[in-house]
């Protein structure tokens, strides 16, 4: 929705987060971003924080994932 309202937020944001032994998300950080929208950064961070993963075996897991925002026409 944000992209349709403001096409200037096109770009890529790479988030990194830790999956704790409980399966919940711990620390979240932005590794890189070409998107200049604090609201979008905060929205994605809030969504990631709410995710629940299967409990890792052995140790916590660090995930790095790119979110790419672009307008696509079908």
N, C-alpha and C. Protein backbone atom coordinates (compact mmCIF):
# COMPACT_ATOMS: atom_id res chain seq x y z
N UNK A 1 0.83 -1.19 0.00
CA UNK A 1 0.00 0.00 0.00
C UNK A 1 0.87 1.25 0.00
N UNK A 2 1.92 1.23 0.82
CA UNK A 2 2.80 2.41 0.90
C UNK A 2 3.45 2.69 -0.44
N UNK A 3 3.86 1.64 -1.15
CA UNK A 3 4.51 1.80 -2.45
C UNK A 3 3.56 2.41 -3.47
N UNK A 4 2.30 2.00 -3.46
CA UNK A 4 1.33 2.57 -4.41
C UNK A 4 1.05 4.03 -4.09
N UNK A 5 1.09 4.41 -2.81
CA UNK A 5 0.86 5.79 -2.42
C UNK A 5 2.07 6.68 -2.65
N UNK A 6 3.26 6.08 -2.61
CA UNK A 6 4.50 6.85 -2.77
C UNK A 6 5.53 6.02 -3.53
N UNK A 7 5.51 6.06 -4.87
CA UNK A 7 6.42 5.25 -5.68
C UNK A 7 7.90 5.55 -5.44
N UNK A 8 8.22 6.63 -4.75
CA UNK A 8 9.62 6.95 -4.50
C UNK A 8 10.27 6.02 -3.48
N UNK A 9 9.49 5.17 -2.83
CA UNK A 9 10.07 4.26 -1.84
C UNK A 9 10.52 2.94 -2.46
N UNK A 10 10.67 2.91 -3.78
CA UNK A 10 11.21 1.73 -4.45
C UNK A 10 12.59 1.42 -3.88
N UNK A 11 12.91 0.15 -3.79
CA UNK A 11 14.25 -0.20 -3.35
C UNK A 11 14.30 -1.52 -2.61
N UNK A 12 15.38 -1.68 -1.87
CA UNK A 12 15.67 -2.95 -1.21
C UNK A 12 16.10 -2.67 0.23
N UNK A 13 15.53 -3.45 1.16
CA UNK A 13 15.91 -3.36 2.57
C UNK A 13 16.34 -4.76 3.00
N UNK A 14 17.53 -4.86 3.57
CA UNK A 14 18.00 -6.15 4.07
C UNK A 14 17.92 -6.10 5.60
N UNK A 15 17.08 -6.97 6.14
CA UNK A 15 16.94 -7.10 7.58
C UNK A 15 17.69 -8.33 8.06
N UNK A 16 18.17 -8.26 9.29
CA UNK A 16 18.79 -9.42 9.93
C UNK A 16 18.13 -9.56 11.29
N UNK A 17 17.76 -10.80 11.64
CA UNK A 17 17.17 -11.01 12.95
C UNK A 17 17.61 -12.35 13.52
N UNK A 18 17.48 -12.44 14.84
CA UNK A 18 17.88 -13.64 15.56
C UNK A 18 16.63 -14.43 15.95
N UNK A 19 16.64 -15.72 15.66
CA UNK A 19 15.57 -16.62 16.12
C UNK A 19 16.07 -17.24 17.42
N UNK A 20 15.38 -16.94 18.51
CA UNK A 20 15.76 -17.42 19.82
C UNK A 20 15.41 -18.89 20.00
N UNK A 21 15.91 -19.51 21.04
CA UNK A 21 15.66 -20.93 21.30
C UNK A 21 14.17 -21.22 21.48
N UNK A 22 13.39 -20.22 21.84
CA UNK A 22 11.94 -20.37 22.00
C UNK A 22 11.21 -20.34 20.66
N UNK A 23 11.91 -19.94 19.60
CA UNK A 23 11.28 -19.77 18.29
C UNK A 23 10.81 -18.34 18.04
N UNK A 24 10.86 -17.52 19.08
CA UNK A 24 10.48 -16.12 18.93
C UNK A 24 11.64 -15.33 18.33
N UNK A 25 11.32 -14.15 17.82
CA UNK A 25 12.34 -13.29 17.22
C UNK A 25 12.94 -12.41 18.30
N UNK A 26 14.27 -12.36 18.32
CA UNK A 26 14.98 -11.50 19.27
C UNK A 26 15.38 -10.21 18.59
N UNK A 27 16.65 -9.90 18.60
CA UNK A 27 17.19 -8.67 18.03
C UNK A 27 16.93 -8.60 16.52
N UNK A 28 16.55 -7.41 16.05
CA UNK A 28 16.32 -7.16 14.63
C UNK A 28 17.12 -5.92 14.25
N UNK A 29 17.79 -5.99 13.09
CA UNK A 29 18.50 -4.80 12.64
C UNK A 29 18.44 -4.70 11.12
N UNK A 30 18.61 -3.49 10.62
CA UNK A 30 18.69 -3.25 9.19
C UNK A 30 20.15 -3.31 8.80
N UNK A 31 20.47 -4.22 7.87
CA UNK A 31 21.85 -4.38 7.40
C UNK A 31 22.15 -3.37 6.30
N UNK A 32 21.19 -3.17 5.40
CA UNK A 32 21.35 -2.22 4.29
C UNK A 32 19.96 -1.79 3.83
N UNK A 33 19.88 -0.57 3.32
CA UNK A 33 18.60 -0.09 2.79
C UNK A 33 18.82 1.02 1.77
N UNK A 34 18.12 0.88 0.64
CA UNK A 34 18.10 1.96 -0.35
C UNK A 34 16.74 2.68 -0.31
N UNK A 35 15.93 2.33 0.68
CA UNK A 35 14.59 2.91 0.85
C UNK A 35 14.66 3.96 1.95
N UNK A 36 14.20 5.16 1.64
CA UNK A 36 14.26 6.24 2.63
C UNK A 36 12.89 6.48 3.26
N UNK A 37 12.37 5.44 3.91
CA UNK A 37 11.08 5.55 4.58
C UNK A 37 11.17 4.93 5.97
N UNK A 38 11.29 5.77 6.97
CA UNK A 38 11.35 5.28 8.35
C UNK A 38 10.08 4.50 8.69
N UNK A 39 8.93 4.97 8.19
CA UNK A 39 7.66 4.28 8.48
C UNK A 39 7.67 2.85 7.93
N UNK A 40 8.20 2.68 6.73
CA UNK A 40 8.26 1.34 6.13
C UNK A 40 9.23 0.45 6.91
N UNK A 41 10.38 0.99 7.29
CA UNK A 41 11.34 0.24 8.11
C UNK A 41 10.68 -0.22 9.40
N UNK A 42 9.98 0.69 10.08
CA UNK A 42 9.33 0.37 11.35
C UNK A 42 8.22 -0.67 11.17
N UNK A 43 7.46 -0.57 10.08
CA UNK A 43 6.37 -1.51 9.81
C UNK A 43 6.91 -2.93 9.62
N UNK A 44 7.95 -3.06 8.82
CA UNK A 44 8.53 -4.39 8.57
C UNK A 44 9.14 -4.94 9.86
N UNK A 45 9.85 -4.10 10.59
CA UNK A 45 10.46 -4.55 11.84
C UNK A 45 9.39 -5.05 12.82
N UNK A 46 8.28 -4.35 12.90
CA UNK A 46 7.18 -4.75 13.77
C UNK A 46 6.59 -6.09 13.34
N UNK A 47 6.45 -6.28 12.03
CA UNK A 47 5.91 -7.55 11.52
C UNK A 47 6.85 -8.71 11.84
N UNK A 48 8.14 -8.51 11.60
CA UNK A 48 9.13 -9.57 11.88
C UNK A 48 9.10 -9.93 13.37
N UNK A 49 9.02 -8.95 14.23
CA UNK A 49 9.02 -9.18 15.68
C UNK A 49 7.86 -10.07 16.10
N UNK A 50 6.76 -10.04 15.36
CA UNK A 50 5.57 -10.83 15.70
C UNK A 50 5.62 -12.27 15.17
N UNK A 51 6.58 -12.56 14.31
CA UNK A 51 6.66 -13.90 13.73
C UNK A 51 7.12 -14.93 14.75
N UNK A 52 6.65 -16.15 14.57
CA UNK A 52 7.05 -17.28 15.40
C UNK A 52 7.64 -18.34 14.47
N UNK A 53 8.80 -18.84 14.80
CA UNK A 53 9.48 -19.85 14.00
C UNK A 53 9.54 -21.16 14.77
N UNK A 54 9.79 -22.27 14.07
CA UNK A 54 10.04 -23.52 14.79
C UNK A 54 11.26 -23.33 15.71
N UNK A 55 11.25 -23.98 16.86
CA UNK A 55 12.37 -23.85 17.79
C UNK A 55 13.63 -24.41 17.14
N UNK A 56 14.71 -23.63 17.13
CA UNK A 56 15.96 -24.13 16.54
C UNK A 56 16.56 -25.25 17.40
N UNK A 57 17.32 -26.10 16.77
CA UNK A 57 17.99 -27.19 17.47
C UNK A 57 19.45 -26.81 17.69
N UNK A 58 19.90 -26.85 18.92
CA UNK A 58 21.31 -26.60 19.22
C UNK A 58 21.66 -25.19 19.60
N UNK A 59 21.28 -24.21 18.80
CA UNK A 59 21.62 -22.82 19.12
C UNK A 59 20.68 -21.87 18.38
N UNK A 60 20.75 -20.60 18.79
CA UNK A 60 19.95 -19.57 18.13
C UNK A 60 20.40 -19.45 16.68
N UNK A 61 19.52 -18.92 15.83
CA UNK A 61 19.80 -18.80 14.40
C UNK A 61 19.70 -17.34 13.99
N UNK A 62 20.63 -16.89 13.15
CA UNK A 62 20.58 -15.53 12.61
C UNK A 62 20.13 -15.62 11.15
N UNK A 63 19.11 -14.84 10.81
CA UNK A 63 18.54 -14.83 9.46
C UNK A 63 18.82 -13.46 8.84
N UNK A 64 19.23 -13.46 7.59
CA UNK A 64 19.39 -12.23 6.83
C UNK A 64 18.50 -12.37 5.60
N UNK A 65 17.61 -11.37 5.39
CA UNK A 65 16.63 -11.51 4.31
C UNK A 65 16.38 -10.16 3.63
N UNK A 66 16.42 -10.13 2.29
CA UNK A 66 16.14 -8.88 1.58
C UNK A 66 14.65 -8.74 1.25
N UNK A 67 14.13 -7.57 1.47
CA UNK A 67 12.76 -7.22 1.06
C UNK A 67 12.91 -6.23 -0.10
N UNK A 68 12.35 -6.57 -1.26
CA UNK A 68 12.49 -5.74 -2.44
C UNK A 68 11.15 -5.11 -2.77
N UNK A 69 11.15 -3.80 -2.94
CA UNK A 69 9.93 -3.06 -3.24
C UNK A 69 10.03 -2.47 -4.63
N UNK A 70 9.10 -2.89 -5.49
CA UNK A 70 9.08 -2.45 -6.87
C UNK A 70 7.65 -2.53 -7.37
N UNK A 71 7.31 -1.69 -8.30
CA UNK A 71 5.97 -1.74 -8.90
C UNK A 71 5.99 -2.76 -10.02
N UNK A 72 5.02 -3.67 -10.00
CA UNK A 72 4.93 -4.71 -11.02
C UNK A 72 3.52 -4.64 -11.62
N UNK A 73 3.47 -4.71 -12.91
CA UNK A 73 2.19 -4.68 -13.61
C UNK A 73 1.92 -6.05 -14.22
N UNK A 74 0.70 -6.54 -14.09
CA UNK A 74 0.32 -7.82 -14.67
C UNK A 74 -0.57 -7.62 -15.85
